[in-house]
All heavy atoms as atom14 arrays in JSON, in Angstrom:
{
  "sequence": "PTAGGRVNGTVSPLLVSFTTPAEDPLCPVNEYLWERRNLPSGPYTEI",
  "atom14_mask": [
    [1, 1, 1, 1, 1, 1, 1, 0, 0, 0, 0, 0, 0, 0],
    [1, 1, 1, 1, 1, 1, 1, 0, 0, 0, 0, 0, 0, 0],
    [1, 1, 1, 1, 1, 0, 0, 0, 0, 0, 0, 0, 0, 0],
    [1, 1, 1, 1, 0, 0, 0, 0, 0, 0, 0, 0, 0, 0],
    [1, 1, 1, 1, 0, 0, 0, 0, 0, 0, 0, 0, 0, 0],
    [1, 1, 1, 1, 1, 1, 1, 1, 1, 1, 1, 0, 0, 0],
    [1, 1, 1, 1, 1, 1, 1, 0, 0, 0, 0, 0, 0, 0],
    [1, 1, 1, 1, 1, 1, 1, 1, 0, 0, 0, 0, 0, 0],
    [1, 1, 1, 1, 0, 0, 0, 0, 0, 0, 0, 0, 0, 0],
    [1, 1, 1, 1, 1, 1, 1, 0, 0, 0, 0, 0, 0, 0],
    [1, 1, 1, 1, 1, 1, 1, 0, 0, 0, 0, 0, 0, 0],
    [1, 1, 1, 1, 1, 1, 0, 0, 0, 0, 0, 0, 0, 0],
    [1, 1, 1, 1, 1, 1, 1, 0, 0, 0, 0, 0, 0, 0],
    [1, 1, 1, 1, 1, 1, 1, 1, 0, 0, 0, 0, 0, 0],
    [1, 1, 1, 1, 1, 1, 1, 1, 0, 0, 0, 0, 0, 0],
    [1, 1, 1, 1, 1, 1, 1, 0, 0, 0, 0, 0, 0, 0],
    [1, 1, 1, 1, 1, 1, 0, 0, 0, 0, 0, 0, 0, 0],
    [1, 1, 1, 1, 1, 1, 1, 1, 1, 1, 1, 0, 0, 0],
    [1, 1, 1, 1, 1, 1, 1, 0, 0, 0, 0, 0, 0, 0],
    [1, 1, 1, 1, 1, 1, 1, 0, 0, 0, 0, 0, 0, 0],
    [1, 1, 1, 1, 1, 1, 1, 0, 0, 0, 0, 0, 0, 0],
    [1, 1, 1, 1, 1, 0, 0, 0, 0, 0, 0, 0, 0, 0],
    [1, 1, 1, 1, 1, 1, 1, 1, 1, 0, 0, 0, 0, 0],
    [1, 1, 1, 1, 1, 1, 1, 1, 0, 0, 0, 0, 0, 0],
    [1, 1, 1, 1, 1, 1, 1, 0, 0, 0, 0, 0, 0, 0],
    [1, 1, 1, 1, 1, 1, 1, 1, 0, 0, 0, 0, 0, 0],
    [1, 1, 1, 1, 1, 1, 0, 0, 0, 0, 0, 0, 0, 0],
    [1, 1, 1, 1, 1, 1, 1, 0, 0, 0, 0, 0, 0, 0],
    [1, 1, 1, 1, 1, 1, 1, 0, 0, 0, 0, 0, 0, 0],
    [1, 1, 1, 1, 1, 1, 1, 1, 0, 0, 0, 0, 0, 0],
    [1, 1, 1, 1, 1, 1, 1, 1, 1, 0, 0, 0, 0, 0],
    [1, 1, 1, 1, 1, 1, 1, 1, 1, 1, 1, 1, 0, 0],
    [1, 1, 1, 1, 1, 1, 1, 1, 0, 0, 0, 0, 0, 0],
    [1, 1, 1, 1, 1, 1, 1, 1, 1, 1, 1, 1, 1, 1],
    [1, 1, 1, 1, 1, 1, 1, 1, 1, 0, 0, 0, 0, 0],
    [1, 1, 1, 1, 1, 1, 1, 1, 1, 1, 1, 0, 0, 0],
    [1, 1, 1, 1, 1, 1, 1, 1, 1, 1, 1, 0, 0, 0],
    [1, 1, 1, 1, 1, 1, 1, 1, 0, 0, 0, 0, 0, 0],
    [1, 1, 1, 1, 1, 1, 1, 1, 0, 0, 0, 0, 0, 0],
    [1, 1, 1, 1, 1, 1, 1, 0, 0, 0, 0, 0, 0, 0],
    [1, 1, 1, 1, 1, 1, 0, 0, 0, 0, 0, 0, 0, 0],
    [1, 1, 1, 1, 0, 0, 0, 0, 0, 0, 0, 0, 0, 0],
    [1, 1, 1, 1, 1, 1, 1, 0, 0, 0, 0, 0, 0, 0],
    [1, 1, 1, 1, 1, 1, 1, 1, 1, 1, 1, 1, 0, 0],
    [1, 1, 1, 1, 1, 1, 1, 0, 0, 0, 0, 0, 0, 0],
    [1, 1, 1, 1, 1, 1, 1, 1, 1, 0, 0, 0, 0, 0],
    [1, 1, 1, 1, 1, 1, 1, 1, 0, 0, 0, 0, 0, 0]
  ],
  "atom14_positions": [
    [[215.21, 13.71, 179.69], [216.09, 14.15, 178.57], [216.98, 13.19, 178.01], [217.29, 12.22, 178.82], [216.76, 15.42, 179.27], [216.21, 15.48, 180.59], [215.38, 14.34, 180.83], [0.0, 0.0, 0.0], [0.0, 0.0, 0.0], [0.0, 0.0, 0.0], [0.0, 0.0, 0.0], [0.0, 0.0, 0.0], [0.0, 0.0, 0.0], [0.0, 0.0, 0.0]],
    [[217.49, 13.37, 176.88], [218.69, 12.51, 176.29], [219.88, 12.96, 176.96], [219.9, 13.86, 177.8], [218.66, 12.68, 174.79], [219.04, 14.13, 174.57], [217.35, 12.47, 174.13], [0.0, 0.0, 0.0], [0.0, 0.0, 0.0], [0.0, 0.0, 0.0], [0.0, 0.0, 0.0], [0.0, 0.0, 0.0], [0.0, 0.0, 0.0], [0.0, 0.0, 0.0]],
    [[220.94, 12.29, 176.62], [222.23, 12.53, 177.05], [222.8, 14.02, 176.85], [223.45, 14.63, 177.51], [223.37, 11.58, 176.6], [0.0, 0.0, 0.0], [0.0, 0.0, 0.0], [0.0, 0.0, 0.0], [0.0, 0.0, 0.0], [0.0, 0.0, 0.0], [0.0, 0.0, 0.0], [0.0, 0.0, 0.0], [0.0, 0.0, 0.0], [0.0, 0.0, 0.0]],
    [[222.16, 14.5, 175.81], [222.5, 15.98, 175.49], [221.64, 16.96, 176.26], [221.86, 18.1, 176.02], [0.0, 0.0, 0.0], [0.0, 0.0, 0.0], [0.0, 0.0, 0.0], [0.0, 0.0, 0.0], [0.0, 0.0, 0.0], [0.0, 0.0, 0.0], [0.0, 0.0, 0.0], [0.0, 0.0, 0.0], [0.0, 0.0, 0.0], [0.0, 0.0, 0.0]],
    [[220.74, 16.51, 177.15], [220.13, 17.35, 178.12], [218.84, 17.99, 177.42], [218.24, 18.88, 178.04], [0.0, 0.0, 0.0], [0.0, 0.0, 0.0], [0.0, 0.0, 0.0], [0.0, 0.0, 0.0], [0.0, 0.0, 0.0], [0.0, 0.0, 0.0], [0.0, 0.0, 0.0], [0.0, 0.0, 0.0], [0.0, 0.0, 0.0], [0.0, 0.0, 0.0]],
    [[218.31, 17.4, 176.38], [217.16, 18.04, 175.69], [216.09, 16.93, 175.71], [216.35, 15.65, 175.66], [217.53, 18.4, 174.24], [216.38, 19.03, 173.58], [216.83, 19.59, 172.2], [217.39, 18.59, 171.45], [218.07, 18.83, 170.15], [218.19, 20.09, 169.81], [218.54, 17.93, 169.46], [0.0, 0.0, 0.0], [0.0, 0.0, 0.0], [0.0, 0.0, 0.0]],
    [[214.78, 17.26, 175.82], [213.72, 16.37, 175.83], [213.36, 16.32, 174.38], [213.13, 17.26, 173.63], [212.56, 16.91, 176.62], [211.3, 16.04, 176.43], [212.84, 16.91, 178.12], [0.0, 0.0, 0.0], [0.0, 0.0, 0.0], [0.0, 0.0, 0.0], [0.0, 0.0, 0.0], [0.0, 0.0, 0.0], [0.0, 0.0, 0.0], [0.0, 0.0, 0.0]],
    [[213.35, 15.11, 173.81], [212.91, 14.86, 172.42], [211.65, 14.13, 172.36], [211.34, 13.21, 173.1], [214.07, 14.09, 171.7], [215.35, 14.74, 171.59], [215.29, 15.98, 171.2], [216.49, 14.16, 171.94], [0.0, 0.0, 0.0], [0.0, 0.0, 0.0], [0.0, 0.0, 0.0], [0.0, 0.0, 0.0], [0.0, 0.0, 0.0], [0.0, 0.0, 0.0]],
    [[210.81, 14.44, 171.39], [209.53, 13.65, 171.22], [209.28, 13.55, 169.74], [209.81, 14.33, 168.92], [0.0, 0.0, 0.0], [0.0, 0.0, 0.0], [0.0, 0.0, 0.0], [0.0, 0.0, 0.0], [0.0, 0.0, 0.0], [0.0, 0.0, 0.0], [0.0, 0.0, 0.0], [0.0, 0.0, 0.0], [0.0, 0.0, 0.0], [0.0, 0.0, 0.0]],
    [[208.52, 12.49, 169.36], [208.32, 12.13, 168.05], [206.81, 12.29, 167.63], [206.31, 11.92, 166.52], [208.81, 10.74, 167.69], [208.12, 9.82, 168.49], [210.26, 10.66, 167.69], [0.0, 0.0, 0.0], [0.0, 0.0, 0.0], [0.0, 0.0, 0.0], [0.0, 0.0, 0.0], [0.0, 0.0, 0.0], [0.0, 0.0, 0.0], [0.0, 0.0, 0.0]],
    [[205.99, 12.69, 168.55], [204.57, 12.91, 168.27], [204.22, 14.36, 168.6], [204.9, 14.97, 169.54], [203.65, 12.01, 169.08], [203.86, 10.61, 168.75], [203.82, 12.14, 170.64], [0.0, 0.0, 0.0], [0.0, 0.0, 0.0], [0.0, 0.0, 0.0], [0.0, 0.0, 0.0], [0.0, 0.0, 0.0], [0.0, 0.0, 0.0], [0.0, 0.0, 0.0]],
    [[203.23, 15.03, 167.88], [202.91, 16.35, 168.18], [201.34, 16.37, 168.24], [200.73, 15.83, 167.46], [203.33, 17.19, 167.2], [203.04, 18.55, 167.51], [0.0, 0.0, 0.0], [0.0, 0.0, 0.0], [0.0, 0.0, 0.0], [0.0, 0.0, 0.0], [0.0, 0.0, 0.0], [0.0, 0.0, 0.0], [0.0, 0.0, 0.0], [0.0, 0.0, 0.0]],
    [[200.78, 16.9, 169.38], [201.29, 17.64, 170.35], [202.08, 16.7, 171.36], [201.64, 15.51, 171.63], [200.27, 18.3, 171.06], [198.95, 17.54, 170.73], [199.29, 16.9, 169.41], [0.0, 0.0, 0.0], [0.0, 0.0, 0.0], [0.0, 0.0, 0.0], [0.0, 0.0, 0.0], [0.0, 0.0, 0.0], [0.0, 0.0, 0.0], [0.0, 0.0, 0.0]],
    [[203.15, 17.21, 171.88], [203.96, 16.45, 172.84], [203.64, 17.01, 174.27], [203.65, 18.18, 174.47], [205.5, 16.59, 172.59], [206.4, 15.97, 173.59], [206.39, 14.45, 173.59], [207.91, 16.49, 173.36], [0.0, 0.0, 0.0], [0.0, 0.0, 0.0], [0.0, 0.0, 0.0], [0.0, 0.0, 0.0], [0.0, 0.0, 0.0], [0.0, 0.0, 0.0]],
    [[203.37, 16.02, 175.23], [203.11, 16.49, 176.6], [204.25, 16.21, 177.38], [204.79, 15.14, 177.45], [201.88, 15.79, 177.17], [201.58, 16.06, 178.63], [201.09, 17.47, 178.8], [200.54, 15.07, 179.15], [0.0, 0.0, 0.0], [0.0, 0.0, 0.0], [0.0, 0.0, 0.0], [0.0, 0.0, 0.0], [0.0, 0.0, 0.0], [0.0, 0.0, 0.0]],
    [[204.84, 17.18, 178.06], [205.99, 17.09, 179.02], [205.56, 17.57, 180.36], [204.99, 18.6, 180.48], [207.29, 17.95, 178.46], [208.31, 17.74, 179.45], [207.61, 17.52, 177.09], [0.0, 0.0, 0.0], [0.0, 0.0, 0.0], [0.0, 0.0, 0.0], [0.0, 0.0, 0.0], [0.0, 0.0, 0.0], [0.0, 0.0, 0.0], [0.0, 0.0, 0.0]],
    [[205.8, 16.62, 181.34], [205.4, 17.01, 182.72], [206.67, 17.43, 183.5], [207.78, 16.75, 183.35], [204.66, 15.79, 183.44], [203.48, 15.53, 182.8], [0.0, 0.0, 0.0], [0.0, 0.0, 0.0], [0.0, 0.0, 0.0], [0.0, 0.0, 0.0], [0.0, 0.0, 0.0], [0.0, 0.0, 0.0], [0.0, 0.0, 0.0], [0.0, 0.0, 0.0]],
    [[206.58, 18.47, 184.27], [207.67, 18.93, 185.06], [207.39, 18.78, 186.56], [206.21, 18.99, 186.96], [207.92, 20.42, 184.83], [208.39, 20.81, 183.49], [207.59, 20.82, 182.45], [209.77, 20.93, 183.3], [208.05, 21.1, 181.09], [210.28, 21.14, 181.96], [209.39, 21.3, 180.93], [0.0, 0.0, 0.0], [0.0, 0.0, 0.0], [0.0, 0.0, 0.0]],
    [[208.31, 18.18, 187.34], [208.19, 18.04, 188.78], [209.34, 18.65, 189.52], [210.51, 18.45, 189.13], [208.09, 16.54, 189.05], [207.02, 15.94, 188.31], [207.82, 16.39, 190.59], [0.0, 0.0, 0.0], [0.0, 0.0, 0.0], [0.0, 0.0, 0.0], [0.0, 0.0, 0.0], [0.0, 0.0, 0.0], [0.0, 0.0, 0.0], [0.0, 0.0, 0.0]],
    [[209.06, 19.48, 190.48], [210.1, 20.2, 191.27], [210.4, 19.34, 192.49], [209.48, 18.69, 193.03], [209.73, 21.58, 191.59], [208.49, 21.52, 192.41], [209.51, 22.37, 190.36], [0.0, 0.0, 0.0], [0.0, 0.0, 0.0], [0.0, 0.0, 0.0], [0.0, 0.0, 0.0], [0.0, 0.0, 0.0], [0.0, 0.0, 0.0], [0.0, 0.0, 0.0]],
    [[211.63, 19.52, 193.11], [211.85, 18.83, 194.46], [211.12, 19.53, 195.56], [210.4, 20.52, 195.38], [213.26, 19.13, 194.7], [213.67, 20.25, 193.79], [212.74, 20.24, 192.62], [0.0, 0.0, 0.0], [0.0, 0.0, 0.0], [0.0, 0.0, 0.0], [0.0, 0.0, 0.0], [0.0, 0.0, 0.0], [0.0, 0.0, 0.0], [0.0, 0.0, 0.0]],
    [[210.99, 18.82, 196.7], [210.28, 19.39, 197.8], [210.91, 20.8, 198.21], [212.09, 21.0, 198.17], [210.3, 18.5, 199.04], [0.0, 0.0, 0.0], [0.0, 0.0, 0.0], [0.0, 0.0, 0.0], [0.0, 0.0, 0.0], [0.0, 0.0, 0.0], [0.0, 0.0, 0.0], [0.0, 0.0, 0.0], [0.0, 0.0, 0.0], [0.0, 0.0, 0.0]],
    [[210.02, 21.59, 198.8], [210.42, 22.94, 199.22], [211.22, 22.82, 200.57], [210.93, 21.98, 201.39], [209.26, 23.91, 199.61], [208.51, 24.36, 198.28], [207.45, 25.31, 198.58], [207.58, 26.09, 199.64], [206.41, 25.39, 197.95], [0.0, 0.0, 0.0], [0.0, 0.0, 0.0], [0.0, 0.0, 0.0], [0.0, 0.0, 0.0], [0.0, 0.0, 0.0]],
    [[212.0, 23.77, 200.85], [212.6, 23.9, 202.21], [211.56, 24.47, 203.08], [211.22, 25.61, 202.85], [213.88, 24.79, 202.04], [214.65, 25.01, 203.42], [214.1, 24.63, 204.51], [215.73, 25.52, 203.31], [0.0, 0.0, 0.0], [0.0, 0.0, 0.0], [0.0, 0.0, 0.0], [0.0, 0.0, 0.0], [0.0, 0.0, 0.0], [0.0, 0.0, 0.0]],
    [[211.11, 23.76, 204.21], [210.16, 24.37, 205.03], [210.54, 25.69, 205.78], [209.62, 26.44, 206.18], [209.78, 23.25, 205.94], [211.05, 22.34, 205.99], [211.65, 22.58, 204.63], [0.0, 0.0, 0.0], [0.0, 0.0, 0.0], [0.0, 0.0, 0.0], [0.0, 0.0, 0.0], [0.0, 0.0, 0.0], [0.0, 0.0, 0.0], [0.0, 0.0, 0.0]],
    [[211.84, 25.88, 205.91], [212.31, 27.12, 206.6], [212.39, 28.23, 205.65], [212.44, 29.47, 206.07], [213.67, 26.85, 207.26], [213.73, 25.73, 208.33], [215.1, 25.61, 208.94], [212.69, 26.14, 209.49], [0.0, 0.0, 0.0], [0.0, 0.0, 0.0], [0.0, 0.0, 0.0], [0.0, 0.0, 0.0], [0.0, 0.0, 0.0], [0.0, 0.0, 0.0]],
    [[212.43, 28.02, 204.39], [212.5, 29.07, 203.33], [211.43, 28.71, 202.22], [211.86, 28.32, 201.17], [213.86, 29.2, 202.78], [215.05, 29.88, 204.0], [0.0, 0.0, 0.0], [0.0, 0.0, 0.0], [0.0, 0.0, 0.0], [0.0, 0.0, 0.0], [0.0, 0.0, 0.0], [0.0, 0.0, 0.0], [0.0, 0.0, 0.0], [0.0, 0.0, 0.0]],
    [[210.26, 28.8, 202.42], [209.25, 28.47, 201.45], [209.34, 29.41, 200.14], [209.77, 30.42, 200.2], [207.86, 28.62, 202.06], [208.09, 29.61, 203.2], [209.59, 29.42, 203.63], [0.0, 0.0, 0.0], [0.0, 0.0, 0.0], [0.0, 0.0, 0.0], [0.0, 0.0, 0.0], [0.0, 0.0, 0.0], [0.0, 0.0, 0.0], [0.0, 0.0, 0.0]],
    [[208.9, 28.75, 199.14], [208.89, 29.31, 197.78], [207.75, 30.33, 197.67], [206.61, 30.15, 198.12], [208.7, 28.35, 196.69], [208.48, 29.05, 195.27], [209.92, 27.39, 196.61], [0.0, 0.0, 0.0], [0.0, 0.0, 0.0], [0.0, 0.0, 0.0], [0.0, 0.0, 0.0], [0.0, 0.0, 0.0], [0.0, 0.0, 0.0], [0.0, 0.0, 0.0]],
    [[208.16, 31.6, 197.37], [207.14, 32.63, 197.17], [206.49, 32.56, 195.85], [205.34, 32.99, 195.58], [207.83, 33.98, 197.45], [208.31, 34.22, 198.71], [207.83, 33.65, 199.67], [209.47, 34.95, 198.77], [0.0, 0.0, 0.0], [0.0, 0.0, 0.0], [0.0, 0.0, 0.0], [0.0, 0.0, 0.0], [0.0, 0.0, 0.0], [0.0, 0.0, 0.0]],
    [[207.23, 32.09, 194.78], [206.71, 32.14, 193.45], [207.44, 31.04, 192.58], [208.69, 30.96, 192.69], [206.85, 33.47, 192.72], [206.23, 33.52, 191.3], [206.39, 34.8, 190.65], [207.54, 35.47, 190.79], [205.42, 35.25, 190.11], [0.0, 0.0, 0.0], [0.0, 0.0, 0.0], [0.0, 0.0, 0.0], [0.0, 0.0, 0.0], [0.0, 0.0, 0.0]],
    [[206.66, 30.25, 191.78], [207.27, 29.49, 190.77], [206.7, 30.18, 189.43], [205.59, 30.29, 189.24], [206.67, 28.06, 190.73], [207.06, 27.18, 191.91], [206.23, 26.98, 192.99], [208.3, 26.48, 191.84], [206.68, 26.18, 194.07], [208.66, 25.71, 192.91], [207.73, 25.57, 193.95], [208.12, 24.79, 195.01], [0.0, 0.0, 0.0], [0.0, 0.0, 0.0]],
    [[207.67, 30.57, 188.6], [207.32, 31.17, 187.31], [207.66, 30.29, 186.19], [208.94, 30.05, 185.95], [207.9, 32.55, 187.21], [207.73, 33.3, 185.79], [206.12, 33.49, 185.71], [208.38, 34.6, 185.79], [0.0, 0.0, 0.0], [0.0, 0.0, 0.0], [0.0, 0.0, 0.0], [0.0, 0.0, 0.0], [0.0, 0.0, 0.0], [0.0, 0.0, 0.0]],
    [[206.82, 29.68, 185.48], [207.07, 28.84, 184.36], [206.78, 29.65, 183.08], [205.71, 30.26, 182.9], [206.13, 27.53, 184.41], [206.36, 26.67, 185.5], [205.73, 26.66, 186.69], [207.32, 25.62, 185.49], [206.16, 25.71, 187.47], [207.16, 24.9, 186.83], [208.24, 25.16, 184.65], [207.89, 23.92, 187.17], [208.96, 24.03, 185.04], [208.87, 23.38, 186.19]],
    [[207.81, 29.5, 182.15], [207.74, 30.3, 180.92], [208.17, 29.39, 179.72], [208.97, 28.51, 179.97], [208.42, 31.55, 180.94], [208.03, 32.58, 182.03], [209.1, 33.74, 182.15], [210.21, 33.45, 182.5], [208.63, 34.77, 181.76], [0.0, 0.0, 0.0], [0.0, 0.0, 0.0], [0.0, 0.0, 0.0], [0.0, 0.0, 0.0], [0.0, 0.0, 0.0]],
    [[207.68, 29.7, 178.62], [208.2, 28.98, 177.4], [208.44, 30.06, 176.26], [207.81, 31.09, 176.23], [207.16, 27.86, 176.99], [205.85, 28.6, 176.63], [205.01, 27.79, 175.73], [205.48, 27.86, 174.4], [204.92, 27.2, 173.31], [203.93, 26.43, 173.57], [205.39, 27.25, 172.17], [0.0, 0.0, 0.0], [0.0, 0.0, 0.0], [0.0, 0.0, 0.0]],
    [[209.17, 29.53, 175.27], [209.47, 30.3, 174.05], [209.76, 29.41, 173.01], [210.19, 28.3, 173.14], [210.5, 31.32, 174.21], [211.91, 30.79, 174.37], [212.91, 31.92, 174.45], [214.23, 31.41, 174.57], [215.23, 31.93, 174.01], [215.21, 33.12, 173.34], [216.47, 31.54, 174.08], [0.0, 0.0, 0.0], [0.0, 0.0, 0.0], [0.0, 0.0, 0.0]],
    [[209.38, 29.84, 171.81], [209.78, 29.11, 170.56], [211.29, 29.53, 170.3], [211.66, 30.62, 170.41], [208.91, 29.46, 169.38], [207.47, 29.02, 169.53], [207.21, 28.11, 170.26], [206.58, 29.8, 168.9], [0.0, 0.0, 0.0], [0.0, 0.0, 0.0], [0.0, 0.0, 0.0], [0.0, 0.0, 0.0], [0.0, 0.0, 0.0], [0.0, 0.0, 0.0]],
    [[212.02, 28.53, 169.94], [213.51, 28.77, 169.56], [213.6, 28.92, 168.11], [212.73, 28.42, 167.31], [214.29, 27.57, 169.96], [214.47, 27.38, 171.52], [215.2, 26.08, 171.74], [215.18, 28.6, 172.15], [0.0, 0.0, 0.0], [0.0, 0.0, 0.0], [0.0, 0.0, 0.0], [0.0, 0.0, 0.0], [0.0, 0.0, 0.0], [0.0, 0.0, 0.0]],
    [[214.42, 29.74, 167.55], [215.64, 30.16, 168.26], [215.42, 31.47, 169.05], [216.31, 31.8, 169.93], [216.72, 30.38, 167.15], [215.85, 30.73, 165.97], [214.5, 30.12, 166.08], [0.0, 0.0, 0.0], [0.0, 0.0, 0.0], [0.0, 0.0, 0.0], [0.0, 0.0, 0.0], [0.0, 0.0, 0.0], [0.0, 0.0, 0.0], [0.0, 0.0, 0.0]],
    [[214.42, 32.4, 168.83], [214.52, 33.72, 169.49], [213.11, 34.17, 169.79], [212.89, 35.46, 169.92], [215.21, 34.61, 168.52], [214.56, 34.69, 167.33], [0.0, 0.0, 0.0], [0.0, 0.0, 0.0], [0.0, 0.0, 0.0], [0.0, 0.0, 0.0], [0.0, 0.0, 0.0], [0.0, 0.0, 0.0], [0.0, 0.0, 0.0], [0.0, 0.0, 0.0]],
    [[212.05, 33.37, 170.05], [210.71, 33.76, 170.41], [210.76, 34.47, 171.73], [211.67, 34.18, 172.56], [0.0, 0.0, 0.0], [0.0, 0.0, 0.0], [0.0, 0.0, 0.0], [0.0, 0.0, 0.0], [0.0, 0.0, 0.0], [0.0, 0.0, 0.0], [0.0, 0.0, 0.0], [0.0, 0.0, 0.0], [0.0, 0.0, 0.0], [0.0, 0.0, 0.0]],
    [[209.82, 35.34, 172.06], [209.66, 35.85, 173.3], [209.14, 34.85, 174.33], [208.44, 33.91, 173.96], [208.64, 37.04, 173.07], [207.83, 36.57, 172.09], [208.73, 35.74, 171.15], [0.0, 0.0, 0.0], [0.0, 0.0, 0.0], [0.0, 0.0, 0.0], [0.0, 0.0, 0.0], [0.0, 0.0, 0.0], [0.0, 0.0, 0.0], [0.0, 0.0, 0.0]],
    [[209.46, 35.01, 175.64], [208.93, 34.06, 176.7], [207.54, 34.42, 177.06], [207.1, 35.59, 176.96], [209.75, 34.16, 177.97], [210.92, 33.34, 177.92], [212.27, 33.99, 177.77], [210.92, 32.05, 178.2], [213.38, 33.3, 177.68], [212.18, 31.26, 178.15], [213.31, 31.9, 178.01], [214.5, 31.17, 177.94], [0.0, 0.0, 0.0], [0.0, 0.0, 0.0]],
    [[206.56, 33.36, 177.13], [205.21, 33.65, 177.57], [205.08, 32.69, 178.8], [205.58, 31.54, 178.87], [204.26, 33.3, 176.55], [204.36, 31.94, 176.05], [204.35, 34.18, 175.32], [0.0, 0.0, 0.0], [0.0, 0.0, 0.0], [0.0, 0.0, 0.0], [0.0, 0.0, 0.0], [0.0, 0.0, 0.0], [0.0, 0.0, 0.0], [0.0, 0.0, 0.0]],
    [[204.23, 33.09, 179.77], [203.98, 32.34, 180.99], [203.15, 31.16, 180.65], [202.09, 31.27, 179.97], [203.32, 33.31, 181.92], [203.19, 32.68, 183.32], [202.62, 33.61, 184.4], [202.97, 34.84, 184.31], [201.73, 33.24, 185.14], [0.0, 0.0, 0.0], [0.0, 0.0, 0.0], [0.0, 0.0, 0.0], [0.0, 0.0, 0.0], [0.0, 0.0, 0.0]],
    [[203.47, 29.9, 181.24], [202.74, 28.78, 181.07], [202.19, 28.32, 182.41], [201.39, 27.31, 182.46], [203.43, 27.62, 180.36], [204.77, 27.23, 181.08], [203.66, 28.12, 178.85], [205.39, 26.04, 180.47], [0.0, 0.0, 0.0], [0.0, 0.0, 0.0], [0.0, 0.0, 0.0], [0.0, 0.0, 0.0], [0.0, 0.0, 0.0], [0.0, 0.0, 0.0]]
  ]
}
């Protein structure tokens, strides 16, 4: 992301990869739910 905290791209389609930190082995993750929406007010859909 830029200093403003937003990912900016100048080509479309733009591919953005997301990486999460390692899990806590004592409290494993039950679910990762990734969603996206079109701004300013689109509904979230699962990705």
